[in-house]
């Protein structure tokens, strides 16, 4: 049961990460086309996550 839970979380995490990457790209596009607070928030939060991963 724990293994299944583990695999589900891993799969879910990578799904979330790829979804966040799409939001990141969309957020950047929205930010460049017009001032969109939500897009900017996505960009800021994901910028932080990317910086943490690089370290």
Protein backbone atom coordinates (compact mmCIF):
# COMPACT_ATOMS: atom_id res chain seq x y z
CA UNK A 1 0.00 0.00 0.00
CA UNK A 2 2.82 2.40 0.87
CA UNK A 3 4.56 1.68 -2.43
CA UNK A 4 1.38 2.47 -4.37
CA UNK A 5 0.97 5.70 -2.39
CA UNK A 6 4.60 6.55 -3.09
CA UNK A 7 4.26 5.92 -6.82
CA UNK A 8 1.05 7.96 -6.89
CA UNK A 9 2.75 10.90 -5.18
CA UNK A 10 5.73 10.74 -7.54
CA UNK A 11 3.41 10.61 -10.55
CA UNK A 12 1.31 13.39 -9.09
CA UNK A 13 4.37 15.53 -8.37
CA UNK A 14 5.71 15.22 -11.91
CA UNK A 15 2.21 15.97 -13.21
CA UNK A 16 2.05 19.07 -11.02
CA UNK A 17 5.53 20.12 -12.15
CA UNK A 18 4.68 19.81 -15.84
CA UNK A 19 1.41 21.67 -15.22
CA UNK A 20 3.36 24.39 -13.41
CA UNK A 21 5.79 24.62 -16.32
CA UNK A 22 2.84 25.21 -18.66
CA UNK A 23 1.51 27.89 -16.28
CA UNK A 24 5.03 29.33 -16.13
CA UNK A 25 5.24 29.67 -19.93
CA UNK A 26 1.64 30.95 -20.11
CA UNK A 27 2.34 33.32 -17.22
CA UNK A 28 5.40 34.74 -18.96
CA UNK A 29 3.42 35.21 -22.19
CA UNK A 30 0.57 36.89 -20.30
CA UNK A 31 3.03 39.08 -18.44
CA UNK A 32 4.67 40.20 -21.68
CA UNK A 33 1.38 40.81 -23.53
CA UNK A 34 -0.37 42.76 -20.74
CA UNK A 35 -0.15 43.29 -16.99
CA UNK A 36 -1.84 40.24 -15.51
CA UNK A 37 -1.50 39.88 -11.71
CA UNK A 38 -2.23 36.13 -11.74
CA UNK A 39 0.30 35.44 -14.45
CA UNK A 40 2.86 37.48 -12.57
CA UNK A 41 2.22 35.54 -9.36
CA UNK A 42 2.72 32.25 -11.21
CA UNK A 43 5.97 33.53 -12.70
CA UNK A 44 7.26 34.73 -9.33
CA UNK A 45 6.41 31.50 -7.47
CA UNK A 46 7.88 29.28 -10.17
CA UNK A 47 10.98 31.49 -10.48
CA UNK A 48 11.54 30.80 -6.78
CA UNK A 49 11.05 27.04 -7.28
CA UNK A 50 13.46 26.98 -10.23
CA UNK A 51 16.08 28.88 -8.23
CA UNK A 52 15.74 26.40 -5.36
CA UNK A 53 16.19 23.46 -7.74
CA UNK A 54 19.35 24.96 -9.28
CA UNK A 55 21.10 25.19 -5.89
